[in-house]
């Protein structure tokens, strides 16, 4: 089985999450740290099985090599998930919630202090305005995440005045202002307009990334 390690959030939504002993629900969204872009949790939609619960799964719990276009196997049993500490579906995730979950599953904590987490939903970023050096140039339409490393690698940006053209741009090239719901990129608009168009069925592999980073003259994260 060939697993695409870089997947769009939209392609993951609705994909079946499968425990060792059966399906538990579908992917709803992801939570990430807004200062590192690291994906900390996949949020499972388990309403048919565990209504009113927010079920969180860390990227390391995925069986990455077995993921395909229809299912995402996880290294957990249904009983483990059912007996895990409950988090109310309509409440934000607190550090206390994370500590209880980490202790229950024996997951190593990613934090070093007791401050509240800076977690944001991937759904929140979609719709942010994107600014180039010349001003507003588009809007975030989707996100590309690295399943192996558990990090957001790219924004999918729909460019203004370009007949719906989509391009990929890296969070490493920007600053983001969540209070203003905007992304500011150190890139010229003309450069974005002439970039290779991204299509939803495009496989974002290393060859694609090589060409992308060379085009923008950026240091490659994998070197």
N, C-alpha and C. Protein backbone atom coordinates (compact mmCIF):
# COMPACT_ATOMS: atom_id res chain seq x y z
N UNK A 1 0.84 -1.19 0.00
CA UNK A 1 0.00 0.00 0.00
C UNK A 1 0.88 1.25 0.00
N UNK A 2 0.59 2.20 -0.91
CA UNK A 2 1.32 3.46 -0.95
C UNK A 2 0.51 4.51 -0.22
N UNK A 3 1.07 5.08 0.82
CA UNK A 3 0.37 6.08 1.61
C UNK A 3 0.89 7.47 1.27
N UNK A 4 -0.02 8.38 0.92
CA UNK A 4 0.36 9.77 0.71
C UNK A 4 0.51 10.42 2.07
N UNK A 5 1.72 10.90 2.37
CA UNK A 5 1.97 11.48 3.68
C UNK A 5 1.44 12.91 3.79
N UNK A 6 1.33 13.60 2.65
CA UNK A 6 0.80 14.96 2.64
C UNK A 6 -0.63 14.91 2.13
N UNK A 7 -1.56 15.28 3.01
CA UNK A 7 -2.98 15.22 2.67
C UNK A 7 -3.67 16.52 3.04
N UNK A 8 -4.66 16.89 2.26
CA UNK A 8 -5.43 18.09 2.60
C UNK A 8 -6.43 17.76 3.70
N UNK A 9 -6.74 18.77 4.50
CA UNK A 9 -7.73 18.59 5.56
C UNK A 9 -9.07 18.18 4.96
N UNK A 10 -9.44 18.80 3.85
CA UNK A 10 -10.73 18.48 3.24
C UNK A 10 -10.80 17.02 2.81
N UNK A 11 -9.68 16.46 2.36
CA UNK A 11 -9.69 15.06 1.94
C UNK A 11 -9.77 14.12 3.13
N UNK A 12 -9.34 14.60 4.30
CA UNK A 12 -9.37 13.76 5.50
C UNK A 12 -10.72 13.78 6.20
N UNK A 13 -11.43 14.89 6.06
CA UNK A 13 -12.73 15.02 6.74
C UNK A 13 -13.69 13.92 6.28
N UNK A 14 -14.30 13.28 7.25
CA UNK A 14 -15.25 12.23 6.92
C UNK A 14 -14.61 10.87 6.73
N UNK A 15 -13.27 10.81 6.74
CA UNK A 15 -12.59 9.53 6.58
C UNK A 15 -12.78 8.71 7.86
N UNK A 16 -12.98 7.42 7.71
CA UNK A 16 -13.27 6.55 8.85
C UNK A 16 -12.04 6.33 9.72
N UNK A 17 -12.20 6.58 11.01
CA UNK A 17 -11.17 6.25 12.00
C UNK A 17 -11.47 4.86 12.52
N UNK A 18 -10.50 3.98 12.40
CA UNK A 18 -10.73 2.57 12.71
C UNK A 18 -9.83 2.10 13.84
N UNK A 19 -10.45 1.74 14.96
CA UNK A 19 -9.69 1.18 16.08
C UNK A 19 -9.26 -0.24 15.73
N UNK A 20 -8.48 -0.84 16.61
CA UNK A 20 -8.00 -2.20 16.38
C UNK A 20 -9.16 -3.17 16.16
N UNK A 21 -10.29 -2.89 16.83
CA UNK A 21 -11.42 -3.82 16.77
C UNK A 21 -12.68 -3.22 16.13
N UNK A 22 -12.50 -2.22 15.28
CA UNK A 22 -13.65 -1.71 14.56
C UNK A 22 -13.68 -0.20 14.45
N UNK A 23 -14.56 0.34 13.60
CA UNK A 23 -14.64 1.79 13.39
C UNK A 23 -15.16 2.52 14.63
N UNK A 24 -14.67 3.74 14.83
CA UNK A 24 -15.09 4.54 15.98
C UNK A 24 -15.77 5.84 15.57
N UNK A 25 -15.64 6.21 14.31
CA UNK A 25 -16.22 7.47 13.85
C UNK A 25 -15.44 7.98 12.65
N UNK A 26 -15.53 9.27 12.42
CA UNK A 26 -14.85 9.87 11.27
C UNK A 26 -14.04 11.09 11.71
N UNK A 27 -13.12 11.51 10.85
CA UNK A 27 -12.31 12.69 11.13
C UNK A 27 -13.18 13.94 10.98
N UNK A 28 -13.18 14.78 12.00
CA UNK A 28 -13.97 16.01 11.98
C UNK A 28 -13.09 17.22 11.67
N UNK A 29 -11.96 17.33 12.37
CA UNK A 29 -11.04 18.45 12.22
C UNK A 29 -9.74 18.08 12.93
N UNK A 30 -8.78 19.00 12.93
CA UNK A 30 -7.54 18.81 13.68
C UNK A 30 -7.30 20.02 14.55
N UNK A 31 -6.62 19.80 15.69
CA UNK A 31 -6.19 20.89 16.55
C UNK A 31 -4.67 21.01 16.42
N UNK A 32 -4.20 22.25 16.26
CA UNK A 32 -2.77 22.48 16.12
C UNK A 32 -2.33 23.62 17.03
N UNK A 33 -1.03 23.65 17.32
CA UNK A 33 -0.45 24.74 18.09
C UNK A 33 -0.21 25.92 17.16
N UNK A 34 -0.71 27.10 17.56
CA UNK A 34 -0.65 28.22 16.63
C UNK A 34 0.72 28.88 16.52
N UNK A 35 1.70 28.42 17.32
CA UNK A 35 3.04 29.00 17.19
C UNK A 35 4.03 28.06 16.50
N UNK A 36 3.67 26.78 16.39
CA UNK A 36 4.58 25.81 15.77
C UNK A 36 3.96 25.13 14.55
N UNK A 37 2.63 25.20 14.40
CA UNK A 37 1.88 24.53 13.34
C UNK A 37 1.86 23.02 13.50
N UNK A 38 2.31 22.53 14.66
CA UNK A 38 2.27 21.09 14.92
C UNK A 38 0.84 20.64 15.19
N UNK A 39 0.43 19.58 14.50
CA UNK A 39 -0.87 18.97 14.76
C UNK A 39 -0.77 18.20 16.07
N UNK A 40 -1.61 18.54 17.03
CA UNK A 40 -1.58 17.85 18.31
C UNK A 40 -2.66 16.78 18.42
N UNK A 41 -3.81 17.02 17.78
CA UNK A 41 -4.89 16.03 17.87
C UNK A 41 -5.72 16.00 16.59
N UNK A 42 -6.17 14.81 16.23
CA UNK A 42 -7.28 14.67 15.31
C UNK A 42 -8.53 14.58 16.18
N UNK A 43 -9.57 15.26 15.78
CA UNK A 43 -10.83 15.22 16.52
C UNK A 43 -11.77 14.27 15.79
N UNK A 44 -12.25 13.27 16.52
CA UNK A 44 -13.13 12.26 15.93
C UNK A 44 -14.59 12.63 16.13
N UNK A 45 -15.36 12.50 15.08
CA UNK A 45 -16.82 12.65 15.18
C UNK A 45 -17.38 11.28 15.55
N UNK A 46 -17.77 11.12 16.82
CA UNK A 46 -18.27 9.82 17.31
C UNK A 46 -19.72 9.93 17.77
N UNK A 47 -20.46 10.85 17.18
CA UNK A 47 -21.82 11.12 17.66
C UNK A 47 -22.74 9.90 17.65
N UNK A 48 -22.55 9.01 16.68
CA UNK A 48 -23.41 7.82 16.62
C UNK A 48 -23.06 6.80 17.70
N UNK A 49 -21.85 6.92 18.23
CA UNK A 49 -21.37 5.94 19.21
C UNK A 49 -21.23 6.56 20.59
N UNK A 50 -20.57 7.71 20.68
CA UNK A 50 -20.36 8.39 21.96
C UNK A 50 -20.87 9.83 21.85
N UNK A 51 -22.18 10.02 21.82
CA UNK A 51 -22.74 11.37 21.66
C UNK A 51 -22.34 12.29 22.81
N UNK A 52 -22.07 13.56 22.45
CA UNK A 52 -21.72 14.55 23.46
C UNK A 52 -20.28 14.53 23.90
N UNK A 53 -19.48 13.63 23.31
CA UNK A 53 -18.07 13.49 23.69
C UNK A 53 -17.16 14.06 22.61
N UNK A 54 -16.05 14.65 23.04
CA UNK A 54 -14.99 15.06 22.13
C UNK A 54 -13.86 14.05 22.28
N UNK A 55 -13.60 13.28 21.22
CA UNK A 55 -12.57 12.25 21.26
C UNK A 55 -11.34 12.76 20.51
N UNK A 56 -10.20 12.80 21.22
CA UNK A 56 -8.96 13.30 20.65
C UNK A 56 -7.98 12.15 20.40
N UNK A 57 -7.28 12.23 19.27
CA UNK A 57 -6.31 11.20 18.90
C UNK A 57 -5.02 11.90 18.46
N UNK A 58 -3.90 11.54 19.08
CA UNK A 58 -2.63 12.17 18.69
C UNK A 58 -2.13 11.54 17.39
N UNK A 59 -1.38 12.29 16.58
CA UNK A 59 -0.86 11.74 15.32
C UNK A 59 -0.05 10.46 15.50
N UNK A 60 0.69 10.34 16.62
CA UNK A 60 1.51 9.15 16.85
C UNK A 60 0.66 7.90 17.07
N UNK A 61 -0.64 8.07 17.32
CA UNK A 61 -1.52 6.92 17.52
C UNK A 61 -2.05 6.38 16.19
N UNK A 62 -1.75 7.07 15.09
CA UNK A 62 -2.18 6.59 13.78
C UNK A 62 -1.24 5.50 13.27
N UNK A 63 -1.80 4.53 12.58
CA UNK A 63 -0.99 3.54 11.87
C UNK A 63 -0.76 4.11 10.47
N UNK A 64 0.20 5.02 10.37
CA UNK A 64 0.39 5.82 9.16
C UNK A 64 0.56 4.96 7.92
N UNK A 65 1.33 3.89 8.02
CA UNK A 65 1.61 3.05 6.86
C UNK A 65 0.37 2.34 6.32
N UNK A 66 -0.71 2.29 7.12
CA UNK A 66 -1.92 1.58 6.70
C UNK A 66 -3.05 2.52 6.28
N UNK A 67 -2.80 3.82 6.32
CA UNK A 67 -3.84 4.79 5.93
C UNK A 67 -4.06 4.73 4.43
N UNK A 68 -5.33 4.75 4.03
CA UNK A 68 -5.64 4.84 2.61
C UNK A 68 -6.71 5.92 2.43
N UNK A 69 -7.34 5.96 1.28
CA UNK A 69 -8.29 7.04 0.97
C UNK A 69 -9.63 6.87 1.66
N UNK A 70 -9.82 5.77 2.38
CA UNK A 70 -11.12 5.53 3.01
C UNK A 70 -11.06 5.34 4.52
N UNK A 71 -9.89 5.00 5.06
CA UNK A 71 -9.83 4.73 6.49
C UNK A 71 -8.48 5.13 7.08
N UNK A 72 -8.53 5.44 8.38
CA UNK A 72 -7.32 5.80 9.12
C UNK A 72 -7.25 4.90 10.35
N UNK A 73 -6.49 3.82 10.30
CA UNK A 73 -6.38 2.93 11.46
C UNK A 73 -5.63 3.60 12.61
N UNK A 74 -6.06 3.32 13.84
CA UNK A 74 -5.40 3.86 15.03
C UNK A 74 -5.00 2.72 15.97
N UNK A 75 -3.97 2.98 16.78
CA UNK A 75 -3.43 1.95 17.68
C UNK A 75 -4.17 1.96 19.02
N UNK A 76 -5.47 1.88 18.98
CA UNK A 76 -6.30 1.93 20.18
C UNK A 76 -7.47 0.98 20.00
N UNK A 77 -8.04 0.53 21.11
CA UNK A 77 -9.23 -0.31 21.03
C UNK A 77 -10.46 0.55 21.32
N UNK A 78 -11.62 0.05 20.93
CA UNK A 78 -12.86 0.77 21.18
C UNK A 78 -13.10 0.91 22.68
N UNK A 79 -12.74 -0.12 23.43
CA UNK A 79 -12.92 -0.06 24.88
C UNK A 79 -12.05 1.03 25.50
N UNK A 80 -10.81 1.13 25.03
CA UNK A 80 -9.92 2.19 25.52
C UNK A 80 -10.53 3.56 25.29
N UNK A 81 -11.04 3.76 24.10
CA UNK A 81 -11.60 5.07 23.74
C UNK A 81 -12.87 5.35 24.55
N UNK A 82 -13.71 4.34 24.68
CA UNK A 82 -14.96 4.52 25.42
C UNK A 82 -14.71 4.86 26.89
N UNK A 83 -13.65 4.29 27.46
CA UNK A 83 -13.35 4.51 28.89
C UNK A 83 -12.40 5.68 29.13
N UNK A 84 -12.02 6.38 28.07
CA UNK A 84 -11.08 7.50 28.21
C UNK A 84 -11.76 8.68 28.89
N UNK A 85 -10.97 9.59 29.49
CA UNK A 85 -11.56 10.78 30.14
C UNK A 85 -12.41 11.57 29.17
N UNK A 86 -13.61 11.92 29.60
CA UNK A 86 -14.53 12.62 28.72
C UNK A 86 -14.24 14.11 28.63
N UNK A 87 -14.39 14.64 27.42
CA UNK A 87 -14.30 16.09 27.19
C UNK A 87 -15.60 16.49 26.50
N UNK A 88 -16.28 17.48 27.06
CA UNK A 88 -17.55 17.89 26.47
C UNK A 88 -17.32 18.43 25.07
N UNK A 89 -18.22 18.03 24.17
CA UNK A 89 -18.05 18.36 22.76
C UNK A 89 -18.03 19.85 22.48
N UNK A 90 -18.76 20.64 23.28
CA UNK A 90 -18.87 22.07 23.00
C UNK A 90 -17.94 22.92 23.85
N UNK A 91 -16.95 22.30 24.50
CA UNK A 91 -16.01 23.03 25.34
C UNK A 91 -14.61 23.03 24.72
N UNK A 92 -13.83 24.12 24.92
CA UNK A 92 -12.44 24.10 24.45
C UNK A 92 -11.61 23.12 25.27
N UNK A 93 -10.51 22.65 24.69
CA UNK A 93 -9.64 21.70 25.37
C UNK A 93 -8.70 22.47 26.31
N UNK A 94 -8.73 22.12 27.58
CA UNK A 94 -7.87 22.77 28.57
C UNK A 94 -6.62 21.92 28.79
N UNK A 95 -5.63 22.52 29.46
CA UNK A 95 -4.43 21.75 29.79
C UNK A 95 -4.78 20.60 30.73
N UNK A 96 -5.74 20.83 31.62
CA UNK A 96 -6.16 19.77 32.53
C UNK A 96 -6.74 18.59 31.74
N UNK A 97 -7.52 18.88 30.70
CA UNK A 97 -8.05 17.82 29.84
C UNK A 97 -6.89 17.04 29.21
N UNK A 98 -5.91 17.78 28.70
CA UNK A 98 -4.77 17.13 28.05
C UNK A 98 -3.99 16.27 29.03
N UNK A 99 -3.82 16.75 30.24
CA UNK A 99 -3.08 15.98 31.24
C UNK A 99 -3.79 14.68 31.57
N UNK A 100 -5.12 14.73 31.68
CA UNK A 100 -5.88 13.52 31.99
C UNK A 100 -5.81 12.51 30.85
N UNK A 101 -5.90 13.01 29.62
CA UNK A 101 -5.84 12.12 28.46
C UNK A 101 -4.45 11.52 28.31
N UNK A 102 -3.43 12.36 28.49
CA UNK A 102 -2.05 11.91 28.38
C UNK A 102 -1.74 10.82 29.40
N UNK A 103 -2.20 11.02 30.62
CA UNK A 103 -1.97 10.04 31.68
C UNK A 103 -2.72 8.74 31.39
N UNK A 104 -3.95 8.85 30.90
CA UNK A 104 -4.77 7.67 30.64
C UNK A 104 -4.16 6.79 29.54
N UNK A 105 -3.77 7.41 28.44
CA UNK A 105 -3.23 6.65 27.31
C UNK A 105 -1.72 6.40 27.41
N UNK A 106 -1.08 7.02 28.41
CA UNK A 106 0.39 6.96 28.53
C UNK A 106 1.06 7.64 27.34
N UNK A 107 0.41 8.69 26.84
CA UNK A 107 1.00 9.48 25.77
C UNK A 107 1.97 10.49 26.39
N UNK A 108 3.17 10.65 25.83
CA UNK A 108 4.11 11.63 26.39
C UNK A 108 3.58 13.05 26.17
N UNK A 109 3.60 13.89 27.19
CA UNK A 109 3.12 15.27 27.01
C UNK A 109 4.06 16.06 26.11
N UNK A 110 3.49 16.91 25.27
CA UNK A 110 4.30 17.74 24.38
C UNK A 110 4.63 19.09 25.02
N UNK A 111 3.98 19.41 26.13
CA UNK A 111 4.14 20.72 26.78
C UNK A 111 5.14 20.61 27.93
N UNK A 112 5.66 21.77 28.35
CA UNK A 112 6.64 21.80 29.43
C UNK A 112 6.17 22.61 30.63
N UNK A 113 4.96 23.18 30.54
CA UNK A 113 4.43 23.94 31.67
C UNK A 113 2.93 23.70 31.77
N UNK A 114 2.31 24.30 32.76
CA UNK A 114 0.88 24.09 32.98
C UNK A 114 -0.01 25.14 32.37
N UNK A 115 0.56 26.01 31.52
CA UNK A 115 -0.25 27.05 30.88
C UNK A 115 -1.30 26.43 29.97
N UNK A 116 -2.39 27.16 29.76
CA UNK A 116 -3.41 26.68 28.85
C UNK A 116 -2.83 26.53 27.45
N UNK A 117 -3.25 25.51 26.71
CA UNK A 117 -2.69 25.26 25.38
C UNK A 117 -3.11 26.32 24.37
N UNK A 118 -2.23 26.58 23.40
CA UNK A 118 -2.56 27.49 22.30
C UNK A 118 -3.05 26.67 21.11
N UNK A 119 -4.14 25.97 21.32
CA UNK A 119 -4.67 25.09 20.28
C UNK A 119 -5.73 25.81 19.46
N UNK A 120 -5.66 25.61 18.16
CA UNK A 120 -6.67 26.14 17.25
C UNK A 120 -7.15 25.04 16.32
N UNK A 121 -8.37 25.20 15.86
CA UNK A 121 -8.93 24.23 14.92
C UNK A 121 -8.50 24.57 13.50
N UNK A 122 -8.24 23.54 12.71
CA UNK A 122 -7.94 23.77 11.30
C UNK A 122 -9.12 24.44 10.60
N UNK A 123 -10.33 24.20 11.09
CA UNK A 123 -11.51 24.84 10.49
C UNK A 123 -11.46 26.36 10.64
N UNK A 124 -10.83 26.81 11.73
CA UNK A 124 -10.77 28.25 12.01
C UNK A 124 -9.94 29.00 10.98
N UNK A 125 -8.86 28.37 10.49
CA UNK A 125 -7.94 29.05 9.58
C UNK A 125 -8.52 29.20 8.18
N UNK A 126 -9.35 28.24 7.79
CA UNK A 126 -9.98 28.32 6.47
C UNK A 126 -10.86 29.57 6.43
N UNK A 127 -10.62 30.40 5.43
CA UNK A 127 -11.35 31.66 5.33
C UNK A 127 -10.53 32.87 5.71
N UNK A 128 -9.34 32.66 6.31
CA UNK A 128 -8.46 33.79 6.64
C UNK A 128 -8.04 34.49 5.34
N UNK A 129 -7.95 35.82 5.39
CA UNK A 129 -7.44 36.59 4.26
C UNK A 129 -5.93 36.40 4.16
N UNK A 130 -5.42 36.39 2.94
CA UNK A 130 -3.99 36.23 2.68
C UNK A 130 -3.46 37.50 2.04
N UNK A 131 -2.40 38.06 2.65
CA UNK A 131 -1.80 39.29 2.14
C UNK A 131 -0.40 39.00 1.60
N UNK A 132 -0.14 39.47 0.39
CA UNK A 132 1.21 39.44 -0.18
C UNK A 132 1.89 40.76 0.17
N UNK A 133 3.05 41.01 -0.38
CA UNK A 133 3.76 42.27 -0.12
C UNK A 133 2.95 43.47 -0.60
N UNK A 134 2.09 43.24 -1.61
CA UNK A 134 1.33 44.35 -2.19
C UNK A 134 -0.04 44.57 -1.55
N UNK A 135 -0.47 43.65 -0.70
CA UNK A 135 -1.80 43.78 -0.10
C UNK A 135 -2.58 42.50 -0.19
N UNK A 136 -3.89 42.57 0.08
CA UNK A 136 -4.72 41.37 0.07
C UNK A 136 -4.68 40.70 -1.30
N UNK A 137 -4.39 39.39 -1.28
CA UNK A 137 -4.19 38.68 -2.54
C UNK A 137 -4.97 37.38 -2.64
N UNK A 138 -5.66 36.98 -1.56
CA UNK A 138 -6.40 35.74 -1.64
C UNK A 138 -6.99 35.35 -0.30
N UNK A 139 -7.38 34.08 -0.21
CA UNK A 139 -8.00 33.57 1.01
C UNK A 139 -7.58 32.11 1.20
N UNK A 140 -7.41 31.69 2.46
CA UNK A 140 -7.06 30.30 2.75
C UNK A 140 -8.28 29.43 2.49
N UNK A 141 -8.10 28.43 1.64
CA UNK A 141 -9.21 27.55 1.24
C UNK A 141 -9.10 26.16 1.85
N UNK A 142 -7.87 25.76 2.21
CA UNK A 142 -7.63 24.42 2.75
C UNK A 142 -6.24 24.41 3.35
N UNK A 143 -5.89 23.31 4.00
CA UNK A 143 -4.57 23.14 4.60
C UNK A 143 -4.03 21.77 4.21
N UNK A 144 -2.73 21.68 4.00
CA UNK A 144 -2.07 20.40 3.71
C UNK A 144 -1.27 20.00 4.93
N UNK A 145 -1.55 18.80 5.46
CA UNK A 145 -0.82 18.35 6.64
C UNK A 145 0.07 17.16 6.31
N UNK A 146 1.15 17.05 7.06
CA UNK A 146 2.09 15.95 6.94
C UNK A 146 1.71 14.91 7.98
N UNK A 147 1.18 13.78 7.54
CA UNK A 147 0.70 12.75 8.46
C UNK A 147 1.84 12.10 9.23
N UNK A 148 3.00 11.99 8.60
CA UNK A 148 4.12 11.33 9.28
C UNK A 148 4.66 12.20 10.40
N UNK A 149 4.87 13.48 10.12
CA UNK A 149 5.48 14.37 11.11
C UNK A 149 4.46 15.14 11.94
N UNK A 150 3.18 15.05 11.58
CA UNK A 150 2.15 15.71 12.36
C UNK A 150 2.28 17.22 12.38
N UNK A 151 2.32 17.83 11.19
CA UNK A 151 2.49 19.28 11.11
C UNK A 151 1.78 19.82 9.87
N UNK A 152 1.32 21.06 9.95
CA UNK A 152 0.74 21.71 8.78
C UNK A 152 1.89 22.20 7.90
N UNK A 153 1.92 21.72 6.67
CA UNK A 153 3.00 22.09 5.75
C UNK A 153 2.64 23.27 4.85
N UNK A 154 1.37 23.32 4.41
CA UNK A 154 1.00 24.34 3.43
C UNK A 154 -0.41 24.87 3.64
N UNK A 155 -0.59 26.13 3.24
CA UNK A 155 -1.91 26.69 3.02
C UNK A 155 -2.27 26.44 1.56
N UNK A 156 -3.53 26.14 1.30
CA UNK A 156 -4.05 26.19 -0.06
C UNK A 156 -4.74 27.54 -0.18
N UNK A 157 -4.23 28.40 -1.05
CA UNK A 157 -4.73 29.77 -1.16
C UNK A 157 -5.43 29.96 -2.50
N UNK A 158 -6.67 30.45 -2.44
CA UNK A 158 -7.38 30.85 -3.66
C UNK A 158 -7.04 32.31 -3.91
N UNK A 159 -6.43 32.58 -5.06
CA UNK A 159 -5.97 33.93 -5.36
C UNK A 159 -7.10 34.83 -5.86
N UNK A 160 -7.09 36.06 -5.40
CA UNK A 160 -8.07 37.05 -5.86
C UNK A 160 -7.81 37.38 -7.33
N UNK A 161 -8.89 37.53 -8.10
CA UNK A 161 -8.78 37.96 -9.48
C UNK A 161 -8.02 37.03 -10.38
N UNK A 162 -8.03 35.73 -10.05
CA UNK A 162 -7.28 34.76 -10.86
C UNK A 162 -8.15 33.57 -11.24
N UNK A 163 -9.46 33.81 -11.37
CA UNK A 163 -10.40 32.77 -11.81
C UNK A 163 -10.36 31.52 -10.94
N UNK A 164 -10.21 31.74 -9.63
CA UNK A 164 -10.24 30.62 -8.69
C UNK A 164 -8.96 29.82 -8.62
N UNK A 165 -7.87 30.34 -9.15
CA UNK A 165 -6.60 29.61 -9.12
C UNK A 165 -6.15 29.39 -7.68
N UNK A 166 -5.70 28.15 -7.40
CA UNK A 166 -5.20 27.78 -6.08
C UNK A 166 -3.69 27.54 -6.14
N UNK A 167 -2.99 28.00 -5.12
CA UNK A 167 -1.55 27.76 -5.03
C UNK A 167 -1.21 27.33 -3.61
N UNK A 168 -0.06 26.68 -3.45
CA UNK A 168 0.41 26.28 -2.14
C UNK A 168 1.45 27.27 -1.63
N UNK A 169 1.32 27.62 -0.34
CA UNK A 169 2.28 28.51 0.31
C UNK A 169 2.53 27.98 1.72
N UNK A 170 3.75 28.11 2.18
CA UNK A 170 4.13 27.52 3.46
C UNK A 170 3.91 28.47 4.63
N UNK A 171 3.39 27.96 5.77
CA UNK A 171 3.29 28.79 6.98
C UNK A 171 4.64 29.32 7.45
N UNK A 172 5.73 28.64 7.05
CA UNK A 172 7.07 29.08 7.45
C UNK A 172 7.45 30.39 6.77
N UNK A 173 6.70 30.80 5.75
CA UNK A 173 7.02 32.02 5.02
C UNK A 173 6.14 33.19 5.45
N UNK A 174 5.44 33.06 6.56
CA UNK A 174 4.45 34.07 6.89
C UNK A 174 4.48 34.49 8.35
N UNK A 175 3.68 35.50 8.62
CA UNK A 175 3.26 35.81 9.99
C UNK A 175 1.74 35.74 9.95
N UNK A 176 1.14 35.39 11.08
CA UNK A 176 -0.31 35.24 11.10
C UNK A 176 -0.89 36.06 12.24
N UNK A 177 -1.98 36.74 11.96
CA UNK A 177 -2.64 37.57 12.95
C UNK A 177 -4.04 37.00 13.18
N UNK A 178 -4.14 36.14 14.20
CA UNK A 178 -5.41 35.46 14.43
C UNK A 178 -6.52 36.43 14.81
N UNK A 179 -6.17 37.49 15.53
CA UNK A 179 -7.20 38.44 15.94
C UNK A 179 -7.80 39.18 14.75
N UNK A 180 -7.03 39.26 13.65
CA UNK A 180 -7.53 39.91 12.44
C UNK A 180 -7.88 38.90 11.35
N UNK A 181 -7.71 37.62 11.68
CA UNK A 181 -8.02 36.54 10.74
C UNK A 181 -7.31 36.75 9.39
N UNK A 182 -5.99 36.96 9.50
CA UNK A 182 -5.25 37.16 8.26
C UNK A 182 -3.85 36.57 8.33
N UNK A 183 -3.35 36.21 7.16
CA UNK A 183 -2.00 35.66 6.97
C UNK A 183 -1.22 36.66 6.13
N UNK A 184 -0.03 37.04 6.60
CA UNK A 184 0.80 37.99 5.87
C UNK A 184 2.04 37.26 5.36
N UNK A 185 2.19 37.21 4.03
CA UNK A 185 3.27 36.44 3.40
C UNK A 185 4.36 37.36 2.85
N UNK A 186 5.58 36.93 3.01
CA UNK A 186 6.72 37.65 2.46
C UNK A 186 6.94 37.19 1.02
N UNK A 187 5.92 37.39 0.19
CA UNK A 187 5.93 36.93 -1.20
C UNK A 187 5.25 37.99 -2.07
N UNK A 188 5.78 38.22 -3.27
CA UNK A 188 5.16 39.16 -4.20
C UNK A 188 3.90 38.54 -4.81
N UNK A 189 2.89 39.35 -5.01
CA UNK A 189 1.65 38.86 -5.61
C UNK A 189 1.90 38.29 -7.01
N UNK A 190 2.74 38.94 -7.79
CA UNK A 190 3.03 38.47 -9.14
C UNK A 190 3.64 37.08 -9.11
N UNK A 191 4.47 36.82 -8.11
CA UNK A 191 5.08 35.50 -7.96
C UNK A 191 4.01 34.45 -7.69
N UNK A 192 3.05 34.81 -6.85
CA UNK A 192 1.96 33.89 -6.54
C UNK A 192 1.11 33.61 -7.77
N UNK A 193 0.84 34.65 -8.56
CA UNK A 193 -0.01 34.50 -9.74
C UNK A 193 0.62 33.59 -10.79
N UNK A 194 1.96 33.59 -10.86
CA UNK A 194 2.66 32.79 -11.86
C UNK A 194 3.06 31.41 -11.35
N UNK A 195 2.75 31.12 -10.09
CA UNK A 195 3.12 29.83 -9.50
C UNK A 195 2.29 28.70 -10.10
N UNK A 196 2.80 27.50 -9.94
CA UNK A 196 2.07 26.31 -10.41
C UNK A 196 0.73 26.21 -9.70
N UNK A 197 -0.31 25.93 -10.45
CA UNK A 197 -1.64 25.81 -9.86
C UNK A 197 -1.77 24.48 -9.12
N UNK A 198 -2.38 24.56 -7.94
CA UNK A 198 -2.66 23.35 -7.15
C UNK A 198 -4.08 22.90 -7.42
N UNK A 199 -4.24 21.62 -7.73
CA UNK A 199 -5.56 21.03 -7.93
C UNK A 199 -5.84 20.05 -6.79
N UNK A 200 -7.10 19.93 -6.36
CA UNK A 200 -7.42 19.04 -5.24
C UNK A 200 -6.95 17.60 -5.41
N UNK A 201 -6.84 17.13 -6.65
CA UNK A 201 -6.40 15.75 -6.86
C UNK A 201 -4.89 15.66 -7.10
N UNK A 202 -4.18 16.77 -6.88
CA UNK A 202 -2.73 16.78 -7.07
C UNK A 202 -2.04 16.02 -5.93
N UNK A 203 -1.13 15.13 -6.28
CA UNK A 203 -0.33 14.44 -5.26
C UNK A 203 0.84 15.34 -4.88
N UNK A 204 0.85 15.78 -3.62
CA UNK A 204 1.95 16.64 -3.16
C UNK A 204 3.07 15.74 -2.65
N UNK A 205 3.97 15.40 -3.56
CA UNK A 205 5.09 14.52 -3.21
C UNK A 205 6.38 15.34 -3.15
N UNK A 206 7.50 14.66 -2.93
CA UNK A 206 8.76 15.39 -2.78
C UNK A 206 9.15 16.12 -4.06
N UNK A 207 8.85 15.54 -5.22
CA UNK A 207 9.15 16.22 -6.49
C UNK A 207 8.38 17.54 -6.58
N UNK A 208 7.12 17.51 -6.18
CA UNK A 208 6.28 18.72 -6.19
C UNK A 208 6.88 19.76 -5.24
N UNK A 209 7.28 19.30 -4.04
CA UNK A 209 7.83 20.22 -3.05
C UNK A 209 9.16 20.82 -3.51
N UNK A 210 10.00 20.00 -4.13
CA UNK A 210 11.28 20.50 -4.64
C UNK A 210 11.04 21.67 -5.60
N UNK A 211 10.12 21.48 -6.53
CA UNK A 211 9.83 22.51 -7.52
C UNK A 211 9.24 23.76 -6.86
N UNK A 212 8.39 23.56 -5.86
CA UNK A 212 7.75 24.68 -5.16
C UNK A 212 8.78 25.53 -4.42
N UNK A 213 9.66 24.88 -3.66
CA UNK A 213 10.66 25.62 -2.89
C UNK A 213 11.69 26.28 -3.80
N UNK A 214 12.04 25.62 -4.90
CA UNK A 214 12.97 26.22 -5.86
C UNK A 214 12.35 27.46 -6.50
N UNK A 215 11.07 27.38 -6.83
CA UNK A 215 10.39 28.50 -7.47
C UNK A 215 10.40 29.74 -6.57
N UNK A 216 10.14 29.53 -5.28
CA UNK A 216 10.09 30.67 -4.36
C UNK A 216 11.46 30.99 -3.75
N UNK A 217 12.48 30.18 -4.08
CA UNK A 217 13.82 30.44 -3.57
C UNK A 217 13.93 30.29 -2.06
N UNK A 218 13.26 29.28 -1.51
CA UNK A 218 13.24 29.07 -0.07
C UNK A 218 14.06 27.85 0.34
N UNK A 219 14.54 27.88 1.58
CA UNK A 219 15.27 26.74 2.11
C UNK A 219 14.32 25.58 2.32
N UNK A 220 14.74 24.39 1.93
CA UNK A 220 13.89 23.21 2.03
C UNK A 220 13.93 22.65 3.45
N UNK A 221 12.76 22.38 4.01
CA UNK A 221 12.67 21.93 5.40
C UNK A 221 13.23 20.52 5.60
N UNK A 222 13.33 19.74 4.53
CA UNK A 222 13.77 18.34 4.67
C UNK A 222 15.28 18.19 4.52
N UNK A 223 15.99 19.26 4.28
CA UNK A 223 17.46 19.19 4.11
C UNK A 223 18.15 19.62 5.40
